[in-house]
Amino acid sequence: MSRLVIGTRGSALALWQARFVQQALAAENTGLQVELEIIHTTGDRPAQTAPGPQNRRARSGNPTAYRAGAAQRGPIRETRR
């Protein structure tokens, strides 16, 4: 059995989307084990201070860098077509 790990953020929308893809892939590929791996970013953490433009800038990160870092550290691999 082949294994595929889908990396996703932990928000409700991201999880719904990842589960949708997970179920579709599993339905079409019976020999494929599809798992989800939640990637946590600084943008997922609550702000330590009151909301404001300066705090939005401080909290914004580079989500691609977080995914790339997760791919290097664990089972998630980035592929390009």
N, C-alpha and C. Protein backbone atom coordinates (compact mmCIF):
# COMPACT_ATOMS: atom_id res chain seq x y z
N MET A 1 0.85 -1.18 0.00
CA MET A 1 0.00 0.00 0.00
C MET A 1 0.89 1.24 0.00
N SER A 2 0.58 2.17 -0.86
CA SER A 2 1.29 3.44 -0.92
C SER A 2 0.72 4.42 0.10
N ARG A 3 1.56 5.35 0.52
CA ARG A 3 1.14 6.32 1.53
C ARG A 3 1.36 7.73 0.99
N LEU A 4 0.35 8.59 1.18
CA LEU A 4 0.44 9.99 0.78
C LEU A 4 0.07 10.84 1.98
N VAL A 5 0.91 11.82 2.30
CA VAL A 5 0.64 12.73 3.41
C VAL A 5 0.32 14.10 2.82
N ILE A 6 -0.85 14.63 3.19
CA ILE A 6 -1.27 15.95 2.75
C ILE A 6 -0.99 16.93 3.88
N GLY A 7 -0.18 17.94 3.62
CA GLY A 7 0.09 18.98 4.60
C GLY A 7 -0.96 20.07 4.51
N THR A 8 -1.49 20.48 5.66
CA THR A 8 -2.55 21.48 5.69
C THR A 8 -2.44 22.34 6.94
N ARG A 9 -2.98 23.53 6.86
CA ARG A 9 -3.11 24.35 8.07
C ARG A 9 -4.25 23.79 8.90
N GLY A 10 -4.38 24.27 10.13
CA GLY A 10 -5.36 23.73 11.05
C GLY A 10 -6.68 24.48 11.09
N SER A 11 -6.86 25.47 10.22
CA SER A 11 -8.12 26.22 10.24
C SER A 11 -9.26 25.33 9.76
N ALA A 12 -10.48 25.69 10.12
CA ALA A 12 -11.65 24.90 9.73
C ALA A 12 -11.74 24.76 8.21
N LEU A 13 -11.52 25.85 7.49
CA LEU A 13 -11.61 25.79 6.02
C LEU A 13 -10.51 24.91 5.43
N ALA A 14 -9.29 25.10 5.89
CA ALA A 14 -8.17 24.30 5.36
C ALA A 14 -8.37 22.82 5.65
N LEU A 15 -8.85 22.50 6.84
CA LEU A 15 -9.10 21.10 7.17
C LEU A 15 -10.22 20.51 6.33
N TRP A 16 -11.28 21.28 6.10
CA TRP A 16 -12.37 20.81 5.26
C TRP A 16 -11.86 20.51 3.85
N GLN A 17 -11.08 21.44 3.30
CA GLN A 17 -10.54 21.25 1.95
C GLN A 17 -9.63 20.03 1.89
N ALA A 18 -8.76 19.88 2.87
CA ALA A 18 -7.83 18.76 2.88
C ALA A 18 -8.57 17.43 3.03
N ARG A 19 -9.58 17.39 3.88
CA ARG A 19 -10.37 16.16 4.04
C ARG A 19 -11.14 15.82 2.77
N PHE A 20 -11.64 16.84 2.09
CA PHE A 20 -12.34 16.63 0.82
C PHE A 20 -11.40 15.95 -0.18
N VAL A 21 -10.19 16.47 -0.30
CA VAL A 21 -9.20 15.88 -1.22
C VAL A 21 -8.81 14.49 -0.74
N GLN A 22 -8.62 14.33 0.56
CA GLN A 22 -8.25 13.04 1.13
C GLN A 22 -9.28 11.98 0.78
N GLN A 23 -10.56 12.29 0.96
CA GLN A 23 -11.62 11.33 0.67
C GLN A 23 -11.71 11.02 -0.82
N ALA A 24 -11.56 12.05 -1.66
CA ALA A 24 -11.61 11.84 -3.11
C ALA A 24 -10.46 10.94 -3.58
N LEU A 25 -9.26 11.20 -3.07
CA LEU A 25 -8.12 10.37 -3.45
C LEU A 25 -8.28 8.94 -2.97
N ALA A 26 -8.73 8.76 -1.74
CA ALA A 26 -8.91 7.43 -1.18
C ALA A 26 -9.98 6.65 -1.95
N ALA A 27 -11.04 7.33 -2.38
CA ALA A 27 -12.12 6.67 -3.12
C ALA A 27 -11.64 6.20 -4.49
N GLU A 28 -10.76 6.95 -5.12
CA GLU A 28 -10.28 6.61 -6.46
C GLU A 28 -9.06 5.68 -6.46
N ASN A 29 -8.39 5.59 -5.32
CA ASN A 29 -7.15 4.80 -5.24
C ASN A 29 -7.21 3.90 -4.02
N THR A 30 -7.76 2.69 -4.18
CA THR A 30 -7.97 1.82 -3.03
C THR A 30 -6.66 1.38 -2.38
N GLY A 31 -5.57 1.38 -3.12
CA GLY A 31 -4.29 0.98 -2.55
C GLY A 31 -3.48 2.14 -2.00
N LEU A 32 -4.14 3.26 -1.76
CA LEU A 32 -3.45 4.46 -1.29
C LEU A 32 -3.93 4.83 0.10
N GLN A 33 -3.01 4.95 1.02
CA GLN A 33 -3.31 5.41 2.37
C GLN A 33 -3.04 6.91 2.40
N VAL A 34 -4.09 7.72 2.60
CA VAL A 34 -3.97 9.17 2.58
C VAL A 34 -4.12 9.71 4.00
N GLU A 35 -3.11 10.44 4.46
CA GLU A 35 -3.12 11.00 5.81
C GLU A 35 -2.99 12.51 5.76
N LEU A 36 -3.47 13.16 6.81
CA LEU A 36 -3.34 14.61 6.94
C LEU A 36 -2.29 14.93 7.99
N GLU A 37 -1.49 15.94 7.72
CA GLU A 37 -0.50 16.45 8.68
C GLU A 37 -0.76 17.94 8.83
N ILE A 38 -1.13 18.36 10.03
CA ILE A 38 -1.42 19.77 10.27
C ILE A 38 -0.11 20.52 10.50
N ILE A 39 0.06 21.60 9.74
CA ILE A 39 1.24 22.46 9.86
C ILE A 39 0.82 23.72 10.60
N HIS A 40 1.45 23.98 11.72
CA HIS A 40 1.14 25.17 12.52
C HIS A 40 2.08 26.30 12.14
N THR A 41 1.53 27.50 11.98
CA THR A 41 2.33 28.68 11.64
C THR A 41 2.11 29.75 12.70
N THR A 42 2.93 30.77 12.69
CA THR A 42 2.75 31.86 13.65
C THR A 42 1.43 32.58 13.39
N GLY A 43 0.93 32.55 12.17
CA GLY A 43 -0.35 33.17 11.86
C GLY A 43 -1.52 32.46 12.52
N ASP A 44 -1.31 31.22 12.96
CA ASP A 44 -2.36 30.46 13.63
C ASP A 44 -2.45 30.79 15.12
N ARG A 45 -1.44 31.46 15.64
CA ARG A 45 -1.43 31.79 17.07
C ARG A 45 -2.21 33.07 17.32
N PRO A 46 -2.90 33.15 18.46
CA PRO A 46 -3.62 34.39 18.77
C PRO A 46 -2.64 35.54 19.02
N ALA A 47 -3.08 36.73 18.67
CA ALA A 47 -2.25 37.92 18.89
C ALA A 47 -2.09 38.15 20.39
N GLN A 48 -0.93 38.63 20.78
CA GLN A 48 -0.67 38.90 22.19
C GLN A 48 -1.16 40.27 22.62
N THR A 49 -1.44 41.12 21.66
CA THR A 49 -1.89 42.47 21.97
C THR A 49 -3.16 42.77 21.19
N ALA A 50 -3.72 43.94 21.43
CA ALA A 50 -4.95 44.34 20.74
C ALA A 50 -4.73 44.37 19.24
N PRO A 51 -5.78 44.05 18.46
CA PRO A 51 -5.62 44.08 17.01
C PRO A 51 -5.33 45.47 16.50
N GLY A 52 -4.54 45.54 15.50
CA GLY A 52 -4.20 46.81 14.86
C GLY A 52 -3.27 46.55 13.70
N PRO A 53 -3.10 47.54 12.84
CA PRO A 53 -2.26 47.33 11.65
C PRO A 53 -0.84 46.89 11.98
N GLN A 54 -0.26 47.44 13.04
CA GLN A 54 1.11 47.07 13.38
C GLN A 54 1.19 45.61 13.81
N ASN A 55 0.16 45.10 14.48
CA ASN A 55 0.17 43.71 14.92
C ASN A 55 -0.07 42.76 13.76
N ARG A 56 -0.87 43.17 12.79
CA ARG A 56 -1.07 42.32 11.61
C ARG A 56 0.25 42.12 10.87
N ARG A 57 1.02 43.18 10.75
CA ARG A 57 2.32 43.05 10.08
C ARG A 57 3.23 42.13 10.88
N ALA A 58 3.21 42.27 12.18
CA ALA A 58 4.09 41.47 13.02
C ALA A 58 3.72 39.99 12.95
N ARG A 59 2.42 39.70 12.82
CA ARG A 59 1.97 38.32 12.80
C ARG A 59 2.08 37.68 11.42
N SER A 60 2.10 38.49 10.39
CA SER A 60 2.10 37.89 9.06
C SER A 60 3.43 37.20 8.83
N GLY A 61 3.36 36.02 8.28
CA GLY A 61 4.56 35.27 7.98
C GLY A 61 4.53 34.86 6.52
N ASN A 62 5.38 33.98 6.20
CA ASN A 62 5.43 33.46 4.85
C ASN A 62 4.96 32.01 4.91
N PRO A 63 3.67 31.74 4.58
CA PRO A 63 3.15 30.38 4.71
C PRO A 63 3.92 29.38 3.86
N THR A 64 4.42 29.81 2.72
CA THR A 64 5.18 28.89 1.87
C THR A 64 6.45 28.44 2.58
N ALA A 65 7.09 29.36 3.31
CA ALA A 65 8.30 29.00 4.05
C ALA A 65 7.98 27.99 5.14
N TYR A 66 6.83 28.13 5.80
CA TYR A 66 6.45 27.17 6.83
C TYR A 66 6.21 25.80 6.23
N ARG A 67 5.53 25.75 5.07
CA ARG A 67 5.28 24.46 4.42
C ARG A 67 6.60 23.84 3.96
N ALA A 68 7.48 24.65 3.41
CA ALA A 68 8.77 24.13 2.96
C ALA A 68 9.57 23.59 4.15
N GLY A 69 9.53 24.31 5.27
CA GLY A 69 10.22 23.84 6.47
C GLY A 69 9.64 22.53 6.96
N ALA A 70 8.33 22.40 6.94
CA ALA A 70 7.68 21.16 7.36
C ALA A 70 8.06 20.03 6.41
N ALA A 71 8.16 20.33 5.14
CA ALA A 71 8.54 19.30 4.16
C ALA A 71 9.95 18.80 4.42
N GLN A 72 10.84 19.69 4.83
CA GLN A 72 12.21 19.29 5.10
C GLN A 72 12.32 18.50 6.40
N ARG A 73 11.48 18.82 7.38
CA ARG A 73 11.57 18.18 8.69
C ARG A 73 10.84 16.85 8.77
N GLY A 74 9.80 16.66 7.97
CA GLY A 74 8.99 15.48 8.19
C GLY A 74 8.54 14.80 6.91
N PRO A 75 7.39 14.12 7.00
CA PRO A 75 6.94 13.28 5.90
C PRO A 75 6.32 14.04 4.73
N ILE A 76 6.16 15.35 4.84
CA ILE A 76 5.51 16.11 3.78
C ILE A 76 6.56 16.48 2.74
N ARG A 77 6.26 16.22 1.50
CA ARG A 77 7.18 16.53 0.41
C ARG A 77 6.50 17.44 -0.59
N GLU A 78 7.18 18.51 -0.96
CA GLU A 78 6.64 19.39 -1.99
C GLU A 78 6.96 18.80 -3.35
N THR A 79 5.99 18.85 -4.25
CA THR A 79 6.22 18.42 -5.62
C THR A 79 5.78 19.52 -6.56
N ARG A 80 6.47 19.65 -7.64
CA ARG A 80 6.13 20.65 -8.65
C ARG A 80 5.92 19.92 -9.96
N ARG A 81 4.97 20.43 -10.75
CA ARG A 81 4.71 19.82 -12.06
C ARG A 81 5.40 20.58 -13.13
